[in-house]
Amino acid sequence: MTLTCFIRYEIDPFQLDAFRAYAEHWGSIIPRCGGHLVGYFVPSEGTNYEAWGLIAFDSLAAYEAYRVRLRADPEGRANFERAQRQRFILHEERTFTEVVEGTFQRPAQSIAPAEVSS
């Protein structure tokens, strides 16, 4: 993937479950419309009002084609409408990023027991 849409959401912390359901719906809609869903992330520790969605694309043209398909998708439109109706998203920002080669999805290396400090 050469382009990732990084979506930062400011959410109503009292409606976390509503946002979680919104994000779960994207799990089938985004791939069907042509996006590579990296994942949605909700608050766990610390700040309770920030959530993120990451969607990757092969190119800007692929992203633009995805947006056209998404607008035409009945489930996608219904999910957007639900968010507007329930107002659990207070603010949303999109940033487009590129991965730095050699840094993405690098697994942790095994640590020998003697190296682990107690």
PDB file of N, CA and C in Angstrom:
ATOM      1  N   MET A   1       0.845  -1.178   0.000  1.00  0.00           N
ATOM      2  CA  MET A   1       0.000   0.000   0.000  1.00  0.00           C
ATOM      3  C   MET A   1       0.888   1.237   0.000  1.00  0.00           C
ATOM      4  N   THR A   2       0.587   2.174  -0.848  1.00  0.00           N
ATOM      5  CA  THR A   2       1.439   3.351  -0.923  1.00  0.00           C
ATOM      6  C   THR A   2       0.834   4.572  -0.241  1.00  0.00           C
ATOM      7  N   LEU A   3      -0.454   4.554   0.037  1.00  0.00           N
ATOM      8  CA  LEU A   3      -1.123   5.720   0.607  1.00  0.00           C
ATOM      9  C   LEU A   3      -2.074   5.251   1.702  1.00  0.00           C
ATOM     10  N   THR A   4      -1.997   5.866   2.869  1.00  0.00           N
ATOM     11  CA  THR A   4      -2.903   5.514   3.955  1.00  0.00           C
ATOM     12  C   THR A   4      -3.653   6.754   4.399  1.00  0.00           C
ATOM     13  N   CYS A   5      -4.965   6.623   4.454  1.00  0.00           N
ATOM     14  CA  CYS A   5      -5.821   7.684   4.976  1.00  0.00           C
ATOM     15  C   CYS A   5      -5.924   7.456   6.480  1.00  0.00           C
ATOM     16  N   PHE A   6      -5.403   8.405   7.236  1.00  0.00           N
ATOM     17  CA  PHE A   6      -5.391   8.345   8.695  1.00  0.00           C
ATOM     18  C   PHE A   6      -6.510   9.272   9.165  1.00  0.00           C
ATOM     19  N   ILE A   7      -7.574   8.697   9.723  1.00  0.00           N
ATOM     20  CA  ILE A   7      -8.725   9.484  10.166  1.00  0.00           C
ATOM     21  C   ILE A   7      -8.681   9.591  11.683  1.00  0.00           C
ATOM     22  N   ARG A   8      -8.635  10.814  12.182  1.00  0.00           N
ATOM     23  CA  ARG A   8      -8.670  11.066  13.622  1.00  0.00           C
ATOM     24  C   ARG A   8     -10.070  11.557  13.955  1.00  0.00           C
ATOM     25  N   TYR A   9     -10.698  10.862  14.878  1.00  0.00           N
ATOM     26  CA  TYR A   9     -12.044  11.220  15.328  1.00  0.00           C
ATOM     27  C   TYR A   9     -11.985  11.779  16.741  1.00  0.00           C
ATOM     28  N   GLU A  10     -12.728  12.822  16.979  1.00  0.00           N
ATOM     29  CA  GLU A  10     -13.026  13.245  18.343  1.00  0.00           C
ATOM     30  C   GLU A  10     -14.439  12.744  18.582  1.00  0.00           C
ATOM     31  N   ILE A  11     -14.596  11.866  19.573  1.00  0.00           N
ATOM     32  CA  ILE A  11     -15.893  11.231  19.812  1.00  0.00           C
ATOM     33  C   ILE A  11     -16.455  11.631  21.173  1.00  0.00           C
ATOM     34  N   ASP A  12     -17.737  11.452  21.311  1.00  0.00           N
ATOM     35  CA  ASP A  12     -18.396  11.638  22.605  1.00  0.00           C
ATOM     36  C   ASP A  12     -18.036  10.415  23.453  1.00  0.00           C
ATOM     37  N   PRO A  13     -17.273  10.590  24.532  1.00  0.00           N
ATOM     38  CA  PRO A  13     -16.842   9.432  25.313  1.00  0.00           C
ATOM     39  C   PRO A  13     -18.002   8.661  25.952  1.00  0.00           C
ATOM     40  N   PHE A  14     -19.161   9.304  26.068  1.00  0.00           N
ATOM     41  CA  PHE A  14     -20.317   8.618  26.630  1.00  0.00           C
ATOM     42  C   PHE A  14     -21.041   7.771  25.592  1.00  0.00           C
ATOM     43  N   GLN A  15     -20.595   7.866  24.330  1.00  0.00           N
ATOM     44  CA  GLN A  15     -21.186   7.070  23.255  1.00  0.00           C
ATOM     45  C   GLN A  15     -20.135   6.168  22.593  1.00  0.00           C
ATOM     46  N   LEU A  16     -19.187   5.701  23.375  1.00  0.00           N
ATOM     47  CA  LEU A  16     -18.136   4.837  22.848  1.00  0.00           C
ATOM     48  C   LEU A  16     -18.708   3.602  22.164  1.00  0.00           C
ATOM     49  N   ASP A  17     -19.737   2.995  22.745  1.00  0.00           N
ATOM     50  CA  ASP A  17     -20.328   1.799  22.138  1.00  0.00           C
ATOM     51  C   ASP A  17     -20.955   2.103  20.783  1.00  0.00           C
ATOM     52  N   ALA A  18     -21.536   3.287  20.635  1.00  0.00           N
ATOM     53  CA  ALA A  18     -22.112   3.683  19.340  1.00  0.00           C
ATOM     54  C   ALA A  18     -21.009   3.840  18.299  1.00  0.00           C
ATOM     55  N   PHE A  19     -19.877   4.459  18.702  1.00  0.00           N
ATOM     56  CA  PHE A  19     -18.765   4.592  17.763  1.00  0.00           C
ATOM     57  C   PHE A  19     -18.194   3.222  17.421  1.00  0.00           C
ATOM     58  N   ARG A  20     -18.080   2.347  18.406  1.00  0.00           N
ATOM     59  CA  ARG A  20     -17.549   0.999  18.165  1.00  0.00           C
ATOM     60  C   ARG A  20     -18.424   0.270  17.130  1.00  0.00           C
ATOM     61  N   ALA A  21     -19.746   0.380  17.250  1.00  0.00           N
ATOM     62  CA  ALA A  21     -20.655  -0.252  16.280  1.00  0.00           C
ATOM     63  C   ALA A  21     -20.458   0.362  14.889  1.00  0.00           C
ATOM     64  N   TYR A  22     -20.303   1.680  14.826  1.00  0.00           N
ATOM     65  CA  TYR A  22     -20.037   2.388  13.574  1.00  0.00           C
ATOM     66  C   TYR A  22     -18.781   1.825  12.920  1.00  0.00           C
ATOM     67  N   ALA A  23     -17.713   1.703  13.693  1.00  0.00           N
ATOM     68  CA  ALA A  23     -16.448   1.182  13.183  1.00  0.00           C
ATOM     69  C   ALA A  23     -16.593  -0.262  12.715  1.00  0.00           C
ATOM     70  N   GLU A  24     -17.307  -1.076  13.476  1.00  0.00           N
ATOM     71  CA  GLU A  24     -17.501  -2.477  13.101  1.00  0.00           C
ATOM     72  C   GLU A  24     -18.233  -2.601  11.773  1.00  0.00           C
ATOM     73  N   HIS A  25     -19.189  -1.718  11.511  1.00  0.00           N
ATOM     74  CA  HIS A  25     -19.896  -1.744  10.224  1.00  0.00           C
ATOM     75  C   HIS A  25     -18.936  -1.520   9.058  1.00  0.00           C
ATOM     76  N   TRP A  26     -17.929  -0.650   9.253  1.00  0.00           N
ATOM     77  CA  TRP A  26     -16.967  -0.391   8.189  1.00  0.00           C
ATOM     78  C   TRP A  26     -16.158  -1.640   7.845  1.00  0.00           C
ATOM     79  N   GLY A  27     -16.105  -2.612   8.752  1.00  0.00           N
ATOM     80  CA  GLY A  27     -15.324  -3.827   8.533  1.00  0.00           C
ATOM     81  C   GLY A  27     -15.686  -4.588   7.275  1.00  0.00           C
ATOM     82  N   SER A  28     -16.933  -4.516   6.840  1.00  0.00           N
ATOM     83  CA  SER A  28     -17.323  -5.164   5.586  1.00  0.00           C
ATOM     84  C   SER A  28     -17.499  -4.153   4.455  1.00  0.00           C
ATOM     85  N   ILE A  29     -17.876  -2.931   4.784  1.00  0.00           N
ATOM     86  CA  ILE A  29     -18.163  -1.922   3.755  1.00  0.00           C
ATOM     87  C   ILE A  29     -16.883  -1.453   3.065  1.00  0.00           C
ATOM     88  N   ILE A  30     -15.866  -1.085   3.833  1.00  0.00           N
ATOM     89  CA  ILE A  30     -14.635  -0.525   3.259  1.00  0.00           C
ATOM     90  C   ILE A  30     -13.953  -1.500   2.296  1.00  0.00           C
ATOM     91  N   PRO A  31     -13.717  -2.755   2.676  1.00  0.00           N
ATOM     92  CA  PRO A  31     -13.083  -3.671   1.715  1.00  0.00           C
ATOM     93  C   PRO A  31     -13.935  -3.883   0.457  1.00  0.00           C
ATOM     94  N   ARG A  32     -15.243  -3.953   0.626  1.00  0.00           N
ATOM     95  CA  ARG A  32     -16.140  -4.149  -0.522  1.00  0.00           C
ATOM     96  C   ARG A  32     -16.039  -2.986  -1.513  1.00  0.00           C
ATOM     97  N   CYS A  33     -15.762  -1.777  -0.986  1.00  0.00           N
ATOM     98  CA  CYS A  33     -15.668  -0.591  -1.835  1.00  0.00           C
ATOM     99  C   CYS A  33     -14.256  -0.347  -2.357  1.00  0.00           C
ATOM    100  N   GLY A  34     -13.295  -1.186  -1.969  1.00  0.00           N
ATOM    101  CA  GLY A  34     -11.950  -1.096  -2.536  1.00  0.00           C
ATOM    102  C   GLY A  34     -10.865  -0.571  -1.620  1.00  0.00           C
ATOM    103  N   GLY A  35     -11.172  -0.331  -0.349  1.00  0.00           N
ATOM    104  CA  GLY A  35     -10.149   0.126   0.587  1.00  0.00           C
ATOM    105  C   GLY A  35      -9.560  -1.048   1.351  1.00  0.00           C
ATOM    106  N   HIS A  36      -8.283  -0.956   1.674  1.00  0.00           N
ATOM    107  CA  HIS A  36      -7.624  -1.956   2.524  1.00  0.00           C
ATOM    108  C   HIS A  36      -7.744  -1.445   3.955  1.00  0.00           C
ATOM    109  N   LEU A  37      -8.666  -2.052   4.710  1.00  0.00           N
ATOM    110  CA  LEU A  37      -8.909  -1.591   6.076  1.00  0.00           C
ATOM    111  C   LEU A  37      -7.790  -2.064   6.986  1.00  0.00           C
ATOM    112  N   VAL A  38      -6.960  -1.124   7.423  1.00  0.00           N
ATOM    113  CA  VAL A  38      -5.896  -1.434   8.373  1.00  0.00           C
ATOM    114  C   VAL A  38      -6.530  -1.649   9.744  1.00  0.00           C
ATOM    115  N   GLY A  39      -7.490  -0.795  10.108  1.00  0.00           N
ATOM    116  CA  GLY A  39      -8.218  -0.987  11.354  1.00  0.00           C
ATOM    117  C   GLY A  39      -8.787   0.292  11.912  1.00  0.00           C
ATOM    118  N   TYR A  40      -9.723   0.115  12.824  1.00  0.00           N
ATOM    119  CA  TYR A  40     -10.269   1.206  13.636  1.00  0.00           C
ATOM    120  C   TYR A  40      -9.794   0.982  15.055  1.00  0.00           C
ATOM    121  N   PHE A  41      -9.535   2.068  15.764  1.00  0.00           N
ATOM    122  CA  PHE A  41      -8.979   1.997  17.102  1.00  0.00           C
ATOM    123  C   PHE A  41      -9.764   2.930  18.011  1.00  0.00           C
ATOM    124  N   VAL A  42     -10.164   2.419  19.180  1.00  0.00           N
ATOM    125  CA  VAL A  42     -10.929   3.214  20.144  1.00  0.00           C
ATOM    126  C   VAL A  42     -10.108   3.403  21.421  1.00  0.00           C
ATOM    127  N   PRO A  43     -10.452   4.401  22.223  1.00  0.00           N
ATOM    128  CA  PRO A  43      -9.700   4.660  23.452  1.00  0.00           C
ATOM    129  C   PRO A  43      -9.720   3.462  24.408  1.00  0.00           C
ATOM    130  N   SER A  44      -8.598   3.261  25.075  1.00  0.00           N
ATOM    131  CA  SER A  44      -8.501   2.218  26.083  1.00  0.00           C
ATOM    132  C   SER A  44      -7.961   2.812  27.379  1.00  0.00           C
ATOM    133  N   GLU A  45      -6.804   3.422  27.300  1.00  0.00           N
ATOM    134  CA  GLU A  45      -6.170   4.089  28.443  1.00  0.00           C
ATOM    135  C   GLU A  45      -5.899   5.531  28.039  1.00  0.00           C
ATOM    136  N   GLY A  46      -5.847   6.408  28.981  1.00  0.00           N
ATOM    137  CA  GLY A  46      -5.517   7.799  28.681  1.00  0.00           C
ATOM    138  C   GLY A  46      -6.713   8.554  28.130  1.00  0.00           C
ATOM    139  N   THR A  47      -6.501   9.297  27.059  1.00  0.00           N
ATOM    140  CA  THR A  47      -7.541  10.123  26.457  1.00  0.00           C
ATOM    141  C   THR A  47      -8.756   9.280  26.108  1.00  0.00           C
ATOM    142  N   ASN A  48      -9.943   9.754  26.486  1.00  0.00           N
ATOM    143  CA  ASN A  48     -11.151   8.957  26.260  1.00  0.00           C
ATOM    144  C   ASN A  48     -12.003   9.468  25.102  1.00  0.00           C
ATOM    145  N   TYR A  49     -11.509  10.447  24.343  1.00  0.00           N
ATOM    146  CA  TYR A  49     -12.332  11.029  23.286  1.00  0.00           C
ATOM    147  C   TYR A  49     -11.689  10.959  21.896  1.00  0.00           C
ATOM    148  N   GLU A  50     -10.550  10.275  21.752  1.00  0.00           N
ATOM    149  CA  GLU A  50      -9.904  10.146  20.449  1.00  0.00           C
ATOM    150  C   GLU A  50     -10.001   8.709  19.953  1.00  0.00           C
ATOM    151  N   ALA A  51     -10.378   8.576  18.689  1.00  0.00           N
ATOM    152  CA  ALA A  51     -10.403   7.279  18.027  1.00  0.00           C
ATOM    153  C   ALA A  51      -9.774   7.469  16.646  1.00  0.00           C
ATOM    154  N   TRP A  52      -9.355   6.378  16.023  1.00  0.00           N
ATOM    155  CA  TRP A  52      -8.694   6.459  14.724  1.00  0.00           C
ATOM    156  C   TRP A  52      -9.185   5.370  13.803  1.00  0.00           C
ATOM    157  N   GLY A  53      -9.167   5.677  12.514  1.00  0.00           N
ATOM    158  CA  GLY A  53      -9.418   4.707  11.456  1.00  0.00           C
ATOM    159  C   GLY A  53      -8.299   4.836  10.442  1.00  0.00           C
ATOM    160  N   LEU A  54      -7.752   3.714   9.987  1.00  0.00           N
ATOM    161  CA  LEU A  54      -6.693   3.718   8.982  1.00  0.00           C
ATOM    162  C   LEU A  54      -7.118   2.855   7.805  1.00  0.00           C
ATOM    163  N   ILE A  55      -7.092   3.468   6.617  1.00  0.00           N
ATOM    164  CA  ILE A  55      -7.496   2.779   5.396  1.00  0.00           C
ATOM    165  C   ILE A  55      -6.412   3.017   4.361  1.00  0.00           C
ATOM    166  N   ALA A  56      -5.877   1.947   3.764  1.00  0.00           N
ATOM    167  CA  ALA A  56      -4.773   2.064   2.809  1.00  0.00           C
ATOM    168  C   ALA A  56      -5.271   1.856   1.378  1.00  0.00           C
ATOM    169  N   PHE A  57      -4.531   2.475   0.451  1.00  0.00           N
ATOM    170  CA  PHE A  57      -4.856   2.418  -0.983  1.00  0.00           C
ATOM    171  C   PHE A  57      -3.564   2.327  -1.776  1.00  0.00           C
ATOM    172  N   ASP A  58      -3.647   1.768  -2.972  1.00  0.00           N
ATOM    173  CA  ASP A  58      -2.476   1.657  -3.837  1.00  0.00           C
ATOM    174  C   ASP A  58      -2.054   3.001  -4.421  1.00  0.00           C
ATOM    175  N   SER A  59      -3.021   3.932  -4.533  1.00  0.00           N
ATOM    176  CA  SER A  59      -2.715   5.224  -5.142  1.00  0.00           C
ATOM    177  C   SER A  59      -3.820   6.218  -4.800  1.00  0.00           C
ATOM    178  N   LEU A  60      -3.593   7.478  -5.112  1.00  0.00           N
ATOM    179  CA  LEU A  60      -4.625   8.492  -4.931  1.00  0.00           C
ATOM    180  C   LEU A  60      -5.814   8.210  -5.846  1.00  0.00           C
ATOM    181  N   ALA A  61      -5.560   7.725  -7.045  1.00  0.00           N
ATOM    182  CA  ALA A  61      -6.646   7.366  -7.967  1.00  0.00           C
ATOM    183  C   ALA A  61      -7.507   6.243  -7.376  1.00  0.00           C
ATOM    184  N   ALA A  62      -6.872   5.265  -6.717  1.00  0.00           N
ATOM    185  CA  ALA A  62      -7.625   4.177  -6.075  1.00  0.00           C
ATOM    186  C   ALA A  62      -8.488   4.732  -4.948  1.00  0.00           C
ATOM    187  N   TYR A  63      -7.967   5.705  -4.201  1.00  0.00           N
ATOM    188  CA  TYR A  63      -8.747   6.340  -3.137  1.00  0.00           C
ATOM    189  C   TYR A  63      -9.955   7.067  -3.727  1.00  0.00           C
ATOM    190  N   GLU A  64      -9.733   7.809  -4.806  1.00  0.00           N
ATOM    191  CA  GLU A  64     -10.831   8.552  -5.427  1.00  0.00           C
ATOM    192  C   GLU A  64     -11.913   7.609  -5.950  1.00  0.00           C
ATOM    193  N   ALA A  65     -11.533   6.475  -6.546  1.00  0.00           N
ATOM    194  CA  ALA A  65     -12.505   5.482  -7.016  1.00  0.00           C
ATOM    195  C   ALA A  65     -13.266   4.874  -5.828  1.00  0.00           C
ATOM    196  N   TYR A  66     -12.558   4.637  -4.742  1.00  0.00           N
ATOM    197  CA  TYR A  66     -13.176   4.115  -3.520  1.00  0.00           C
ATOM    198  C   TYR A  66     -14.243   5.076  -3.010  1.00  0.00           C
ATOM    199  N   ARG A  67     -13.939   6.370  -2.980  1.00  0.00           N
ATOM    200  CA  ARG A  67     -14.907   7.370  -2.489  1.00  0.00           C
ATOM    201  C   ARG A  67     -16.183   7.359  -3.332  1.00  0.00           C
ATOM    202  N   VAL A  68     -16.054   7.194  -4.639  1.00  0.00           N
ATOM    203  CA  VAL A  68     -17.236   7.130  -5.515  1.00  0.00           C
ATOM    204  C   VAL A  68     -18.068   5.900  -5.164  1.00  0.00           C
ATOM    205  N   ARG A  69     -17.410   4.749  -5.025  1.00  0.00           N
ATOM    206  CA  ARG A  69     -18.135   3.512  -4.675  1.00  0.00           C
ATOM    207  C   ARG A  69     -18.766   3.621  -3.295  1.00  0.00           C
ATOM    208  N   LEU A  70     -18.063   4.237  -2.352  1.00  0.00           N
ATOM    209  CA  LEU A  70     -18.569   4.375  -0.983  1.00  0.00           C
ATOM    210  C   LEU A  70     -19.841   5.227  -0.950  1.00  0.00           C
ATOM    211  N   ARG A  71     -19.848   6.322  -1.708  1.00  0.00           N
ATOM    212  CA  ARG A  71     -21.041   7.184  -1.750  1.00  0.00           C
ATOM    213  C   ARG A  71     -22.243   6.463  -2.344  1.00  0.00           C
ATOM    214  N   ALA A  72     -21.991   5.505  -3.231  1.00  0.00           N
ATOM    215  CA  ALA A  72     -23.081   4.761  -3.869  1.00  0.00           C
ATOM    216  C   ALA A  72     -23.509   3.534  -3.068  1.00  0.00           C
ATOM    217  N   ASP A  73     -22.761   3.173  -2.058  1.00  0.00           N
ATOM    218  CA  ASP A  73     -23.027   1.960  -1.282  1.00  0.00           C
ATOM    219  C   ASP A  73     -24.135   2.214  -0.261  1.00  0.00           C
ATOM    220  N   PRO A  74     -25.259   1.478  -0.313  1.00  0.00           N
ATOM    221  CA  PRO A  74     -26.360   1.704   0.621  1.00  0.00           C
ATOM    222  C   PRO A  74     -25.960   1.530   2.095  1.00  0.00           C
ATOM    223  N   GLU A  75     -25.168   0.519   2.403  1.00  0.00           N
ATOM    224  CA  GLU A  75     -24.741   0.313   3.790  1.00  0.00           C
ATOM    225  C   GLU A  75     -23.800   1.422   4.253  1.00  0.00           C
ATOM    226  N   GLY A  76     -22.945   1.893   3.352  1.00  0.00           N
ATOM    227  CA  GLY A  76     -22.050   2.995   3.680  1.00  0.00           C
ATOM    228  C   GLY A  76     -22.830   4.269   3.982  1.00  0.00           C
ATOM    229  N   ARG A  77     -23.810   4.572   3.124  1.00  0.00           N
ATOM    230  CA  ARG A  77     -24.637   5.760   3.361  1.00  0.00           C
ATOM    231  C   ARG A  77     -25.391   5.634   4.677  1.00  0.00           C
ATOM    232  N   ALA A  78     -25.921   4.449   4.961  1.00  0.00           N
ATOM    233  CA  ALA A  78     -26.665   4.237   6.210  1.00  0.00           C
ATOM    234  C   ALA A  78     -25.754   4.433   7.423  1.00  0.00           C
ATOM    235  N   ASN A  79     -24.503   3.995   7.329  1.00  0.00           N
ATOM    236  CA  ASN A  79     -23.577   4.149   8.449  1.00  0.00           C
ATOM    237  C   ASN A  79     -23.256   5.625   8.687  1.00  0.00           C
ATOM    238  N   PHE A  80     -23.012   6.376   7.599  1.00  0.00           N
ATOM    239  CA  PHE A  80     -22.788   7.820   7.729  1.00  0.00           C
ATOM    240  C   PHE A  80     -24.006   8.503   8.351  1.00  0.00           C
ATOM    241  N   GLU A  81     -25.199   8.139   7.879  1.00  0.00           N
ATOM    242  CA  GLU A  81     -26.430   8.752   8.393  1.00  0.00           C
ATOM    243  C   GLU A  81     -26.641   8.452   9.870  1.00  0.00           C
ATOM    244  N   ARG A  82     -26.323   7.233  10.290  1.00  0.00           N
ATOM    245  CA  ARG A  82     -26.451   6.857  11.704  1.00  0.00           C
ATOM    246  C   ARG A  82     -25.528   7.736  12.564  1.00  0.00           C
ATOM    247  N   ALA A  83     -24.310   7.965  12.080  1.00  0.00           N
ATOM    248  CA  ALA A  83     -23.366   8.813  12.828  1.00  0.00           C
ATOM    249  C   ALA A  83     -23.899  10.239  12.939  1.00  0.00           C
ATOM    250  N   GLN A  84     -24.478  10.750  11.879  1.00  0.00           N
ATOM    251  CA  GLN A  84     -25.037  12.107  11.922  1.00  0.00           C
ATOM    252  C   GLN A  84     -26.229  12.184  12.863  1.00  0.00           C
ATOM    253  N   ARG A  85     -27.072  11.176  12.805  1.00  0.00           N
ATOM    254  CA  ARG A  85     -28.274  11.156  13.638  1.00  0.00           C
ATOM    255  C   ARG A  85     -27.930  11.022  15.128  1.00  0.00           C
ATOM    256  N   GLN A  86     -27.003  10.135  15.460  1.00  0.00           N
ATOM    257  CA  GLN A  86     -26.673   9.874  16.867  1.00  0.00           C
ATOM    258  C   GLN A  86     -25.624  10.839  17.427  1.00  0.00           C
ATOM    259  N   ARG A  87     -24.906  11.538  16.576  1.00  0.00           N
ATOM    260  CA  ARG A  87     -23.945  12.576  16.958  1.00  0.00           C
ATOM    261  C   ARG A  87     -22.859  12.101  17.933  1.00  0.00           C
ATOM    262  N   PHE A  88     -22.339  10.903  17.695  1.00  0.00           N
ATOM    263  CA  PHE A  88     -21.245  10.426  18.550  1.00  0.00           C
ATOM    264  C   PHE A  88     -19.876  10.859  18.026  1.00  0.00           C
ATOM    265  N   ILE A  89     -19.815  11.344  16.776  1.00  0.00           N
ATOM    266  CA  ILE A  89     -18.581  11.909  16.240  1.00  0.00           C
ATOM    267  C   ILE A  89     -18.701  13.420  16.342  1.00  0.00           C
ATOM    268  N   LEU A  90     -17.806  14.030  17.119  1.00  0.00           N
ATOM    269  CA  LEU A  90     -17.848  15.467  17.336  1.00  0.00           C
ATOM    270  C   LEU A  90     -16.991  16.217  16.317  1.00  0.00           C
ATOM    271  N   HIS A  91     -15.908  15.580  15.870  1.00  0.00           N
ATOM    272  CA  HIS A  91     -14.979  16.205  14.931  1.00  0.00           C
ATOM    273  C   HIS A  91     -14.220  15.097  14.212  1.00  0.00           C
ATOM    274  N   GLU A  92     -13.867  15.338  12.966  1.00  0.00           N
ATOM    275  CA  GLU A  92     -13.161  14.333  12.169  1.00  0.00           C
ATOM    276  C   GLU A  92     -12.108  15.026  11.301  1.00  0.00           C
ATOM    277  N   GLU A  93     -10.904  14.457  11.256  1.00  0.00           N
ATOM    278  CA  GLU A  93      -9.810  14.985  10.428  1.00  0.00           C
ATOM    279  C   GLU A  93      -9.229  13.852   9.609  1.00  0.00           C
ATOM    280  N   ARG A  94      -8.870  14.153   8.369  1.00  0.00           N
ATOM    281  CA  ARG A  94      -8.214  13.166   7.510  1.00  0.00           C
ATOM    282  C   ARG A  94      -6.818  13.661   7.144  1.00  0.00           C
ATOM    283  N   THR A  95      -5.848  12.773   7.259  1.00  0.00           N
ATOM    284  CA  THR A  95      -4.485  13.040   6.836  1.00  0.00           C
ATOM    285  C   THR A  95      -4.050  11.866   5.980  1.00  0.00           C
ATOM    286  N   PHE A  96      -3.334  12.144   4.909  1.00  0.00           N
ATOM    287  CA  PHE A  96      -2.846  11.079   4.042  1.00  0.00           C
ATOM    288  C   PHE A  96      -1.356  10.906   4.276  1.00  0.00           C
ATOM    289  N   THR A  97      -0.957   9.667   4.495  1.00  0.00           N
ATOM    290  CA  THR A  97       0.430   9.369   4.817  1.00  0.00           C
ATOM    291  C   THR A  97       0.979   8.294   3.882  1.00  0.00           C
ATOM    292  N   GLU A  98       2.299   8.234   3.802  1.00  0.00           N
ATOM    293  CA  GLU A  98       2.990   7.169   3.076  1.00  0.00           C
ATOM    294  C   GLU A  98       3.854   6.417   4.073  1.00  0.00           C
ATOM    295  N   VAL A  99       3.938   5.123   3.919  1.00  0.00           N
ATOM    296  CA  VAL A  99       4.766   4.318   4.816  1.00  0.00           C
ATOM    297  C   VAL A  99       6.240   4.525   4.483  1.00  0.00           C
ATOM    298  N   VAL A 100       7.063   4.551   5.491  1.00  0.00           N
ATOM    299  CA  VAL A 100       8.513   4.606   5.310  1.00  0.00           C
ATOM    300  C   VAL A 100       8.984   3.164   5.099  1.00  0.00           C
ATOM    301  N   GLU A 101       9.585   2.921   3.957  1.00  0.00           N
ATOM    302  CA  GLU A 101      10.030   1.561   3.621  1.00  0.00           C
ATOM    303  C   GLU A 101      10.856   0.952   4.752  1.00  0.00           C
ATOM    304  N   GLY A 102      10.624  -0.312   5.022  1.00  0.00           N
ATOM    305  CA  GLY A 102      11.386  -1.030   6.031  1.00  0.00           C
ATOM    306  C   GLY A 102      10.910  -0.819   7.461  1.00  0.00           C
ATOM    307  N   THR A 103       9.799  -0.064   7.635  1.00  0.00           N
ATOM    308  CA  THR A 103       9.333   0.204   8.995  1.00  0.00           C
ATOM    309  C   THR A 103       7.938  -0.340   9.266  1.00  0.00           C
ATOM    310  N   PHE A 104       7.239  -0.822   8.274  1.00  0.00           N
ATOM    311  CA  PHE A 104       5.847  -1.224   8.441  1.00  0.00           C
ATOM    312  C   PHE A 104       5.730  -2.713   8.735  1.00  0.00           C
ATOM    313  N   GLN A 105       4.931  -3.035   9.740  1.00  0.00           N
ATOM    314  CA  GLN A 105       4.627  -4.420  10.131  1.00  0.00           C
ATOM    315  C   GLN A 105       5.890  -5.228  10.433  1.00  0.00           C
ATOM    316  N   ARG A 106       6.772  -4.641  11.204  1.00  0.00           N
ATOM    317  CA  ARG A 106       7.982  -5.325  11.644  1.00  0.00           C
ATOM    318  C   ARG A 106       7.667  -6.030  12.960  1.00  0.00           C
ATOM    319  N   PRO A 107       7.725  -7.344  12.989  1.00  0.00           N
ATOM    320  CA  PRO A 107       7.403  -8.056  14.232  1.00  0.00           C
ATOM    321  C   PRO A 107       8.466  -7.852  15.304  1.00  0.00           C
ATOM    322  N   ALA A 108       8.048  -8.018  16.543  1.00  0.00           N
ATOM    323  CA  ALA A 108       8.987  -7.940  17.668  1.00  0.00           C
ATOM    324  C   ALA A 108       9.984  -9.086  17.567  1.00  0.00           C
ATOM    325  N   GLN A 109      11.201  -8.833  17.986  1.00  0.00           N
ATOM    326  CA  GLN A 109      12.205  -9.878  18.009  1.00  0.00           C
ATOM    327  C   GLN A 109      12.129 -10.609  19.341  1.00  0.00           C
ATOM    328  N   SER A 110      12.472 -11.876  19.323  1.00  0.00           N
ATOM    329  CA  SER A 110      12.479 -12.659  20.561  1.00  0.00           C
ATOM    330  C   SER A 110      13.561 -12.133  21.486  1.00  0.00           C
ATOM    331  N   ILE A 111      13.240 -12.086  22.751  1.00  0.00           N
ATOM    332  CA  ILE A 111      14.197 -11.651  23.767  1.00  0.00           C
ATOM    333  C   ILE A 111      14.523 -12.859  24.641  1.00  0.00           C
ATOM    334  N   ALA A 112      15.797 -13.160  24.745  1.00  0.00           N
ATOM    335  CA  ALA A 112      16.232 -14.286  25.570  1.00  0.00           C
ATOM    336  C   ALA A 112      15.921 -13.986  27.026  1.00  0.00           C
ATOM    337  N   PRO A 113      15.560 -15.003  27.836  1.00  0.00           N
ATOM    338  CA  PRO A 113      15.222 -14.766  29.252  1.00  0.00           C
ATOM    339  C   PRO A 113      16.280 -13.985  30.015  1.00  0.00           C
ATOM    340  N   ALA A 114      17.551 -14.170  29.724  1.00  0.00           N
ATOM    341  CA  ALA A 114      18.620 -13.468  30.447  1.00  0.00           C
ATOM    342  C   ALA A 114      18.601 -11.969  30.136  1.00  0.00           C
ATOM    343  N   GLU A 115      18.040 -11.585  28.986  1.00  0.00           N
ATOM    344  CA  GLU A 115      17.988 -10.188  28.586  1.00  0.00           C
ATOM    345  C   GLU A 115      16.842  -9.430  29.245  1.00  0.00           C
ATOM    346  N   VAL A 116      15.860 -10.145  29.761  1.00  0.00           N
ATOM    347  CA  VAL A 116      14.693  -9.527  30.355  1.00  0.00           C
ATOM    348  C   VAL A 116      15.038  -9.086  31.776  1.00  0.00           C
ATOM    349  N   SER A 117      14.861  -7.823  32.051  1.00  0.00           N
ATOM    350  CA  SER A 117      15.146  -7.354  33.420  1.00  0.00           C
ATOM    351  C   SER A 117      13.902  -7.516  34.277  1.00  0.00           C
ATOM    352  N   SER A 118      14.118  -7.842  35.561  1.00  0.00           N
ATOM    353  CA  SER A 118      12.966  -8.041  36.438  1.00  0.00           C
ATOM    354  C   SER A 118      12.765  -6.882  37.363  1.00  0.00           C
TER     355      SER A 118
END
